[in-house]
Amino acid sequence: MIKGLFCFDGPLYKDKNGIYCNVTLTNEMFSRYFSVVDYLTIIVRTYKSDKSYQELNMKPLTLKNIKVIEVKNLNTIKGFIFDRNVFENNIKKYVNEADLIFARMPSIISNSVLKIAKKQKKSYLVENGGCAWDSLWNHGILGKIIAPLMFYKTRKYIKEAAFATYVTKQFLQKRYPNYNVTTNCSNVYLNEVDDEVLEERIKKINSMNMKKIIIGQTVNSVDVRYKGEHFILKAMKTLKERGYDIEYQIVGTGEGEFLKKVASKLKIQNQLKFIGTLKKEEVIEWCKSIDIYVQPSKQEGLPRSVIEAMSVGCPCLGSNIAGIPELLDEECLFNPNKNNQIVKAIENLLNKEKMIEQAKINFKKSKEYDIKNIEEKRNKIFAKYKEYVLKEKDRGKGFQI
C-alpha cells in the first residue's frame, strides 16, 4: 500500500455532524492524489461549525481511505511561537508513515511537515500556489513580522524539493525557483464550455446599459483584506459621482464587517451585496450574471476565480501583480493602490465594442486551462515522483529516521 500525505493551512470545515466540507478542498481535488497513492493523510487547519454542510453550502468530503488530522490555527503569535512545536511532535509519526508527501505552499503547516521530512531524509513534492511574502506582508502587523521568515522558508523548501508544481507559468517560478523536476498546472477545474456561452455573453453585452452595471468578485473569505475589495468600493464612489450606478457583488464566506463600514463611510452601502458561499457550479452560473469580474488583490498566485469568469466570456479587470498579468491584457490591469487607475480601467472597459473584444479574448484564453490538459500535466509529474520514491526506497537511500 502506498501512503500519501497532503498538508496545507486550508482551512477545512467540520460541520455540526462531524462531516468535513469545503468548496475547494473537495473530493474532486483530493481524488488527484489517488492516481499514485492508496491511502491519504490530510494535515490541515480545521474550523468547526454549528451548521451542517448543507447550510454552509459546501461539499462534503466523503472519499474512502483518507484520514484528516485536525490542526488548530498556527497563524497567530501563540501558534507560530508555541503551538507549532507541539504540532510538530504530534505529526512526526504521520510523516514517517508516508511514502509520498504533497505540500501545498505557502503554508505554516507545510513548512513544519517539510522540516520533519528533511530530518527523516524523505523526498517531497511541493505545490506552489502563491507568494508567501505578498500574502503575509499585506496581512497586518503580525504578517509583516512573519513575512521575511516565511519567505525564506518557502523559498528554501521549494528550492530543495525533488519535484515542484506551480500554478503560474512564470511569476512564482522566478520568485521561488526549483531546478529539479517541475511543471505548471493551475488549481482551476474547468470542464469544456460550449461556444454558445460566448454567444450569450455577446448578446448580454449588446443589451447592456453602460451606466448601470454589476461588478463581481469571489474570495475565500470576505474578511481577508488583501483581496482588495475596499479598493473597488473607493473606485465606485468616484464612479458614482460620474453618473455610474454600480452594484458590487462578492462571493465568499464571512461577515464582511470591515467592507460594510467602508461602504457606509463612502455612502454606497446599498451598492454592496454579499452573495455568500457558492459551490463551483454555482460560481460559474453567477459569473454569467455579472457584467465585469474584478480581482483587485495585493496577493495572488494564479487566481482560478479569474479563469472561471473568463471561461464564460466575462470581461475581467485585475491587479498588475503575481500571475494575473499572465491572464489579462495590459489595458485590463491596474495598481490596486491607485484609485485613479482602477477608475480608468473600469471606465475604459465600459464600451460595448471593447467588452465584446475582451469577452472573446478571455473565452479563448481560458481554453488553456481545460481540466484535461492540466490533469495530464499533474498526473505525469505525480507518476514521476512516485517512480523516483520507489526507486529510492529500493536502493535503501530514503525513508531513514
Protein backbone atom coordinates (compact mmCIF):
# COMPACT_ATOMS: atom_id res chain seq x y z
CA MET A 1 0.00 0.00 0.00
CA ILE A 2 1.33 3.41 -0.98
CA LYS A 3 0.56 6.00 1.69
CA GLY A 4 0.36 9.67 0.83
CA LEU A 5 0.36 12.78 2.97
CA PHE A 6 -1.14 16.13 1.97
CA CYS A 7 -0.53 19.25 4.05
CA PHE A 8 -1.79 22.81 3.83
CA ASP A 9 -3.12 25.61 6.04
CA GLY A 10 -6.53 25.21 4.39
CA PRO A 11 -8.85 25.70 6.10
CA LEU A 12 -11.18 22.71 6.04
CA TYR A 13 -14.52 22.94 7.85
CA LYS A 14 -16.10 20.34 10.15
CA ASP A 15 -19.87 20.67 10.32
CA LYS A 16 -22.14 20.09 13.32
CA ASN A 17 -22.47 16.41 12.38
CA GLY A 18 -18.69 15.88 12.21
CA ILE A 19 -18.59 15.88 8.39
CA TYR A 20 -15.63 17.64 6.78
CA CYS A 21 -16.59 20.02 3.99
CA ASN A 22 -15.33 22.81 1.76
CA VAL A 23 -15.79 24.42 -1.66
CA THR A 24 -12.18 23.96 -2.84
CA LEU A 25 -10.72 21.14 -0.69
CA THR A 26 -13.21 18.63 -2.08
CA ASN A 27 -13.50 15.04 -3.25
CA GLU A 28 -12.69 16.27 -6.75
CA MET A 29 -9.45 17.91 -5.59
CA PHE A 30 -8.23 15.12 -3.31
CA SER A 31 -9.01 12.44 -5.90
CA ARG A 32 -6.00 13.56 -7.93
CA TYR A 33 -3.63 12.08 -5.34
CA PHE A 34 -5.22 8.64 -5.61
CA SER A 35 -3.66 8.29 -9.04
CA VAL A 36 -0.44 7.48 -7.14
CA VAL A 37 -1.47 6.57 -3.56
CA ASP A 38 -3.84 4.08 -1.96
CA TYR A 39 -4.32 5.99 1.30
CA LEU A 40 -4.11 9.70 2.05
CA THR A 41 -3.50 11.50 5.35
CA ILE A 42 -4.60 15.14 5.25
CA ILE A 43 -2.96 17.52 7.72
CA VAL A 44 -4.92 20.75 7.62
CA ARG A 45 -6.15 23.63 9.75
CA THR A 46 -9.73 22.81 10.69
CA TYR A 47 -12.57 25.08 11.79
CA LYS A 48 -15.67 23.64 13.49
CA SER A 49 -19.12 24.94 12.59
CA ASP A 50 -22.50 24.73 14.33
CA LYS A 51 -24.14 24.37 10.90
CA SER A 52 -24.50 21.40 8.55
CA TYR A 53 -22.55 21.31 5.30
CA GLN A 54 -25.86 21.87 3.50
CA GLU A 55 -26.44 25.06 5.49
CA LEU A 56 -22.86 26.14 4.79
CA ASN A 57 -23.47 25.36 1.10
CA MET A 58 -20.27 23.32 0.97
CA LYS A 59 -19.43 19.92 -0.48
CA PRO A 60 -18.92 17.03 1.98
CA LEU A 61 -15.61 15.17 1.95
CA THR A 62 -16.67 11.56 1.53
CA LEU A 63 -13.67 9.82 -0.05
CA LYS A 64 -12.65 6.46 1.34
CA ASN A 65 -9.10 5.76 2.52
CA ILE A 66 -8.49 9.23 3.90
CA LYS A 67 -7.70 10.45 7.40
CA VAL A 68 -7.93 14.11 8.44
CA ILE A 69 -5.51 15.34 11.09
CA GLU A 70 -7.07 18.48 12.51
CA VAL A 71 -4.74 21.38 13.25
CA LYS A 72 -5.57 24.49 15.26
CA ASN A 73 -4.78 27.92 13.84
CA LEU A 74 -0.99 28.35 13.84
CA ASN A 75 -1.23 31.72 12.08
CA THR A 76 -1.14 33.65 15.37
CA ILE A 77 1.70 34.79 17.63
CA LYS A 78 0.91 31.99 20.10
CA GLY A 79 0.51 29.46 17.32
CA PHE A 80 3.67 30.47 15.49
CA ILE A 81 5.89 30.58 18.58
CA PHE A 82 4.44 27.99 20.98
CA ASP A 83 1.80 25.69 19.45
CA ARG A 84 3.97 24.86 16.44
CA ASN A 85 6.42 22.78 18.48
CA VAL A 86 3.62 20.68 19.96
CA PHE A 87 2.13 20.27 16.50
CA GLU A 88 5.46 19.11 15.02
CA ASN A 89 5.91 16.50 17.73
CA ASN A 90 2.40 15.18 17.07
CA ILE A 91 2.82 14.75 13.32
CA LYS A 92 6.23 13.06 13.20
CA LYS A 93 4.63 9.63 13.03
CA TYR A 94 2.42 10.61 10.09
CA VAL A 95 5.39 11.95 8.14
CA ASN A 96 7.30 8.77 8.99
CA GLU A 97 4.49 6.57 7.68
CA ALA A 98 4.09 8.50 4.41
CA ASP A 99 5.63 7.27 1.17
CA LEU A 100 4.66 10.33 -0.87
CA ILE A 101 4.43 13.85 0.61
CA PHE A 102 2.48 16.61 -1.15
CA ALA A 103 3.00 20.02 0.45
CA ARG A 104 0.85 22.89 -0.76
CA MET A 105 2.53 26.24 -0.22
CA PRO A 106 2.81 28.85 1.16
CA SER A 107 1.74 27.29 4.46
CA ILE A 108 2.99 27.24 8.04
CA ILE A 109 1.73 23.66 8.35
CA SER A 110 3.61 22.61 5.20
CA ASN A 111 6.80 24.25 6.46
CA SER A 112 6.64 22.14 9.62
CA VAL A 113 5.90 18.94 7.70
CA LEU A 114 8.82 19.54 5.33
CA LYS A 115 11.14 20.36 8.23
CA ILE A 116 10.38 16.89 9.62
CA ALA A 117 10.56 15.24 6.19
CA LYS A 118 14.05 16.60 5.65
CA LYS A 119 15.18 15.27 9.03
CA GLN A 120 13.76 11.90 8.04
CA LYS A 121 15.50 12.18 4.64
CA LYS A 122 12.30 11.89 2.66
CA SER A 123 11.76 13.29 -0.80
CA TYR A 124 8.73 15.52 -1.27
CA LEU A 125 6.69 17.36 -3.90
CA VAL A 126 5.62 20.97 -3.38
CA GLU A 127 2.61 22.62 -4.96
CA ASN A 128 3.28 26.34 -5.06
CA GLY A 129 0.02 28.26 -5.23
CA GLY A 130 1.01 31.74 -4.09
CA CYS A 131 3.62 34.11 -2.72
CA ALA A 132 4.40 33.85 1.00
CA TRP A 133 5.78 37.37 1.13
CA ASP A 134 2.79 39.06 -0.52
CA SER A 135 0.18 37.14 1.47
CA LEU A 136 1.74 37.98 4.84
CA TRP A 137 3.10 41.46 4.18
CA ASN A 138 -0.41 42.57 3.23
CA HIS A 139 -1.97 40.90 6.27
CA GLY A 140 -1.45 43.27 9.20
CA ILE A 141 1.39 43.93 11.64
CA LEU A 142 1.89 40.28 12.60
CA GLY A 143 2.10 39.40 8.90
CA LYS A 144 4.85 41.96 8.34
CA ILE A 145 6.80 40.47 11.25
CA ILE A 146 6.47 36.90 9.97
CA ALA A 147 6.79 37.65 6.21
CA PRO A 148 10.63 37.63 5.94
CA LEU A 149 10.94 34.28 7.75
CA MET A 150 8.09 32.69 5.80
CA PHE A 151 9.54 33.95 2.52
CA TYR A 152 12.93 32.47 3.39
CA LYS A 153 11.50 29.11 4.45
CA THR A 154 9.14 28.83 1.50
CA ARG A 155 11.91 29.64 -0.94
CA LYS A 156 14.25 27.17 0.79
CA TYR A 157 11.82 24.23 0.84
CA ILE A 158 10.70 24.80 -2.75
CA LYS A 159 14.29 25.01 -3.97
CA GLU A 160 15.18 21.75 -2.20
CA ALA A 161 12.10 19.83 -3.37
CA ALA A 162 12.68 16.85 -5.62
CA PHE A 163 9.53 17.82 -7.56
CA ALA A 164 7.56 21.06 -7.79
CA THR A 165 4.38 22.29 -9.44
CA TYR A 166 3.43 25.94 -9.91
CA VAL A 167 0.05 27.48 -10.68
CA THR A 168 1.75 30.21 -12.73
CA LYS A 169 3.80 29.95 -15.90
CA GLN A 170 6.48 32.48 -14.86
CA PHE A 171 5.87 34.59 -11.74
CA LEU A 172 6.21 32.04 -8.93
CA GLN A 173 8.95 30.16 -10.77
CA LYS A 174 11.12 33.28 -10.73
CA ARG A 175 10.43 34.15 -7.11
CA TYR A 176 10.61 30.58 -5.76
CA PRO A 177 12.85 28.65 -8.17
CA ASN A 178 13.30 24.90 -8.28
CA TYR A 179 15.91 23.35 -10.55
CA ASN A 180 14.75 19.73 -10.35
CA VAL A 181 11.57 18.33 -11.94
CA THR A 182 8.86 20.98 -12.34
CA THR A 183 5.68 21.77 -14.25
CA ASN A 184 2.95 24.39 -14.21
CA CYS A 185 -0.65 23.40 -13.58
CA SER A 186 -3.40 25.61 -12.24
CA ASN A 187 -5.78 24.57 -9.47
CA VAL A 188 -8.77 25.54 -11.60
CA TYR A 189 -11.31 22.90 -12.62
CA LEU A 190 -12.72 23.90 -15.99
CA ASN A 191 -14.76 21.45 -18.00
CA GLU A 192 -15.18 22.11 -21.71
CA VAL A 193 -17.51 25.05 -22.30
CA ASP A 194 -19.76 25.29 -25.35
CA ASP A 195 -19.30 28.23 -27.72
CA GLU A 196 -22.91 29.17 -27.08
CA VAL A 197 -21.74 30.60 -23.74
CA LEU A 198 -19.72 33.24 -25.60
CA GLU A 199 -22.65 33.98 -27.91
CA GLU A 200 -24.87 34.55 -24.86
CA ARG A 201 -22.28 36.87 -23.35
CA ILE A 202 -22.13 38.96 -26.51
CA LYS A 203 -25.94 39.24 -26.52
CA LYS A 204 -25.80 40.31 -22.87
CA ILE A 205 -23.21 42.99 -23.63
CA ASN A 206 -25.19 44.33 -26.59
CA SER A 207 -28.25 44.76 -24.39
CA MET A 208 -26.39 46.46 -21.52
CA ASN A 209 -26.88 49.93 -20.16
CA MET A 210 -23.27 51.03 -19.75
CA LYS A 211 -24.18 53.36 -16.91
CA LYS A 212 -25.76 50.60 -14.82
CA ILE A 213 -23.58 47.55 -14.28
CA ILE A 214 -22.83 44.68 -11.92
CA ILE A 215 -19.22 44.06 -10.90
CA GLY A 216 -18.34 40.83 -9.13
CA GLN A 217 -15.55 39.11 -7.22
CA THR A 218 -15.12 35.76 -5.45
CA VAL A 219 -12.93 35.28 -2.38
CA ASN A 220 -12.34 32.53 0.18
CA SER A 221 -13.31 34.96 2.93
CA VAL A 222 -14.81 38.44 2.69
CA ASP A 223 -12.97 39.29 5.92
CA VAL A 224 -9.49 38.99 4.38
CA ARG A 225 -8.35 42.47 3.37
CA TYR A 226 -5.53 41.61 0.96
CA LYS A 227 -8.08 40.59 -1.67
CA GLY A 228 -8.62 44.33 -2.16
CA GLU A 229 -12.42 44.66 -2.16
CA HIS A 230 -12.14 48.03 -0.39
CA PHE A 231 -10.19 49.40 -3.36
CA ILE A 232 -13.16 48.69 -5.61
CA LEU A 233 -15.51 50.39 -3.15
CA LYS A 234 -13.40 53.56 -3.28
CA ALA A 235 -13.43 53.47 -7.08
CA MET A 236 -17.21 53.03 -7.03
CA LYS A 237 -17.55 56.22 -5.01
CA THR A 238 -15.70 58.13 -7.72
CA LEU A 239 -17.70 56.46 -10.49
CA LYS A 240 -20.97 57.23 -8.70
CA GLU A 241 -20.04 60.89 -8.81
CA ARG A 242 -19.57 60.50 -12.57
CA GLY A 243 -23.06 59.13 -13.05
CA TYR A 244 -22.47 55.37 -12.90
CA ASP A 245 -24.81 53.07 -10.97
CA ILE A 246 -22.66 50.08 -9.94
CA GLU A 247 -23.62 47.08 -7.83
CA TYR A 248 -20.67 45.18 -6.33
CA GLN A 249 -21.38 41.51 -5.63
CA ILE A 250 -18.91 39.50 -3.54
CA VAL A 251 -18.98 35.70 -3.19
CA GLY A 252 -17.34 34.10 -0.15
CA THR A 253 -17.63 33.15 3.49
CA GLY A 254 -17.51 35.63 6.37
CA GLU A 255 -19.42 38.62 7.68
CA GLY A 256 -17.69 41.46 5.82
CA GLU A 257 -17.90 43.93 8.69
CA PHE A 258 -14.87 45.91 7.51
CA LEU A 259 -16.29 46.24 4.00
CA LYS A 260 -19.68 47.27 5.36
CA LYS A 261 -18.01 50.06 7.32
CA VAL A 262 -16.03 51.24 4.29
CA ALA A 263 -19.14 51.21 2.09
CA SER A 264 -21.14 53.08 4.74
CA LYS A 265 -18.44 55.72 5.11
CA LEU A 266 -18.42 56.20 1.33
CA LYS A 267 -22.26 56.29 1.32
CA ILE A 268 -22.53 53.42 -1.14
CA GLN A 269 -23.69 50.71 1.31
CA ASN A 270 -26.75 49.96 -0.85
CA GLN A 271 -24.46 49.12 -3.76
CA LEU A 272 -22.58 46.38 -1.88
CA LYS A 273 -24.09 42.88 -1.93
CA PHE A 274 -22.73 39.76 -0.22
CA ILE A 275 -23.74 36.59 -2.08
CA GLY A 276 -22.37 34.11 0.48
CA THR A 277 -20.74 30.76 -0.24
CA LEU A 278 -21.25 29.18 -3.66
CA LYS A 279 -20.20 25.78 -4.99
CA LYS A 280 -18.07 25.67 -8.13
CA GLU A 281 -21.05 25.02 -10.41
CA GLU A 282 -22.92 27.92 -8.81
CA VAL A 283 -19.92 30.23 -9.22
CA ILE A 284 -19.86 29.55 -12.96
CA GLU A 285 -23.58 30.40 -13.25
CA TRP A 286 -23.06 33.53 -11.14
CA CYS A 287 -20.21 34.63 -13.42
CA LYS A 288 -22.66 34.54 -16.31
CA SER A 289 -24.91 37.00 -14.48
CA ILE A 290 -22.36 39.76 -13.77
CA ASP A 291 -21.05 42.30 -16.26
CA ILE A 292 -17.40 42.65 -15.17
CA TYR A 293 -15.25 40.44 -12.96
CA VAL A 294 -12.57 42.20 -10.84
CA GLN A 295 -9.55 40.85 -8.97
CA PRO A 296 -8.03 43.81 -7.07
CA SER A 297 -5.77 41.61 -4.92
CA LYS A 298 -2.48 42.57 -3.31
CA GLN A 299 -1.53 38.88 -3.18
CA GLU A 300 -2.20 36.04 -5.61
CA GLY A 301 -0.78 33.02 -7.31
CA LEU A 302 -2.82 32.43 -10.44
CA PRO A 303 -6.41 33.21 -9.39
CA ARG A 304 -8.72 30.45 -10.57
CA SER A 305 -11.68 32.76 -10.00
CA VAL A 306 -10.47 34.96 -12.86
CA ILE A 307 -10.12 31.93 -15.13
CA GLU A 308 -13.62 30.76 -14.18
CA ALA A 309 -15.01 34.16 -15.15
CA MET A 310 -13.00 34.15 -18.38
CA SER A 311 -14.43 30.73 -19.27
CA VAL A 312 -17.90 32.23 -19.66
CA GLY A 313 -16.62 35.22 -21.63
CA CYS A 314 -16.86 37.67 -18.77
CA PRO A 315 -14.71 40.82 -19.27
CA CYS A 316 -12.18 40.95 -16.43
CA LEU A 317 -10.01 43.52 -14.67
CA GLY A 318 -7.27 42.83 -12.14
CA SER A 319 -4.20 43.94 -10.24
CA ASN A 320 -0.87 44.06 -12.05
CA ILE A 321 0.65 41.57 -9.60
CA ALA A 322 1.65 37.88 -9.42
CA GLY A 323 0.13 35.68 -12.13
CA ILE A 324 -2.74 38.00 -13.10
CA PRO A 325 -0.74 39.59 -15.97
CA GLU A 326 -0.39 36.06 -17.38
CA LEU A 327 -4.17 36.04 -17.83
CA LEU A 328 -5.29 39.55 -18.76
CA ASP A 329 -4.34 42.17 -21.34
CA GLU A 330 -2.20 45.03 -20.07
CA GLU A 331 -5.04 47.51 -20.57
CA CYS A 332 -7.14 45.47 -18.11
CA LEU A 333 -4.57 45.73 -15.31
CA PHE A 334 -4.17 48.36 -12.58
CA ASN A 335 -2.15 49.15 -9.48
CA PRO A 336 -4.57 48.26 -6.65
CA ASN A 337 -3.21 51.11 -4.51
CA LYS A 338 -4.08 53.77 -7.10
CA ASN A 339 -7.74 54.66 -7.22
CA ASN A 340 -7.38 56.63 -10.45
CA GLN A 341 -6.04 53.55 -12.25
CA ILE A 342 -8.96 51.38 -11.10
CA VAL A 343 -11.48 54.03 -12.11
CA LYS A 344 -9.80 54.44 -15.51
CA ALA A 345 -9.69 50.66 -16.11
CA ILE A 346 -13.41 50.33 -15.38
CA GLU A 347 -14.40 53.36 -17.49
CA ASN A 348 -12.24 52.27 -20.42
CA LEU A 349 -13.89 48.84 -20.41
CA LEU A 350 -17.43 50.26 -20.37
CA ASN A 351 -17.70 50.29 -24.14
CA LYS A 352 -19.66 47.59 -25.93
CA GLU A 353 -17.05 47.07 -28.63
CA LYS A 354 -14.27 46.82 -26.02
CA MET A 355 -16.26 44.46 -23.81
CA ILE A 356 -17.05 42.12 -26.70
CA GLU A 357 -13.38 42.13 -27.68
CA GLN A 358 -12.35 41.19 -24.13
CA ALA A 359 -15.09 38.56 -23.89
CA LYS A 360 -13.68 36.82 -26.97
CA ILE A 361 -10.07 37.11 -25.77
CA ASN A 362 -10.90 35.77 -22.31
CA PHE A 363 -13.02 32.90 -23.60
CA LYS A 364 -10.21 31.77 -25.90
CA LYS A 365 -7.53 32.19 -23.21
CA SER A 366 -9.49 30.11 -20.71
CA LYS A 367 -9.22 27.09 -23.04
CA GLU A 368 -5.56 26.82 -22.00
CA TYR A 369 -6.81 25.81 -18.54
CA ASP A 370 -9.07 22.97 -19.58
CA ILE A 371 -9.06 20.35 -16.81
CA LYS A 372 -7.94 17.56 -19.16
CA ASN A 373 -4.75 19.42 -20.09
CA ILE A 374 -4.00 20.38 -16.51
CA GLU A 375 -4.65 16.92 -15.11
CA GLU A 376 -2.44 15.35 -17.78
CA LYS A 377 0.48 17.54 -16.67
CA ARG A 378 -0.20 16.87 -13.00
CA ASN A 379 -0.57 13.12 -13.43
CA LYS A 380 2.74 12.94 -15.30
CA ILE A 381 4.74 14.67 -12.56
CA PHE A 382 2.94 12.67 -9.84
CA ALA A 383 3.85 9.45 -11.64
CA LYS A 384 7.49 10.57 -11.95
CA TYR A 385 7.55 11.42 -8.25
CA LYS A 386 6.15 8.01 -7.30
CA GLU A 387 8.63 6.22 -9.56
CA TYR A 388 11.50 8.24 -8.07
CA VAL A 389 10.50 7.43 -4.49
CA LEU A 390 10.03 3.72 -5.16
CA LYS A 391 13.46 3.51 -6.78
CA GLU A 392 14.91 5.47 -3.86
CA LYS A 393 13.28 3.06 -1.44
CA ASP A 394 14.62 0.05 -3.32
CA ARG A 395 18.12 1.47 -3.11
CA GLY A 396 17.66 1.95 0.61
CA LYS A 397 18.67 5.61 0.43
CA GLY A 398 15.44 7.11 1.70
CA PHE A 399 12.99 6.66 4.49
CA GLN A 400 15.60 6.74 7.24
CA ILE A 401 14.64 8.04 10.66
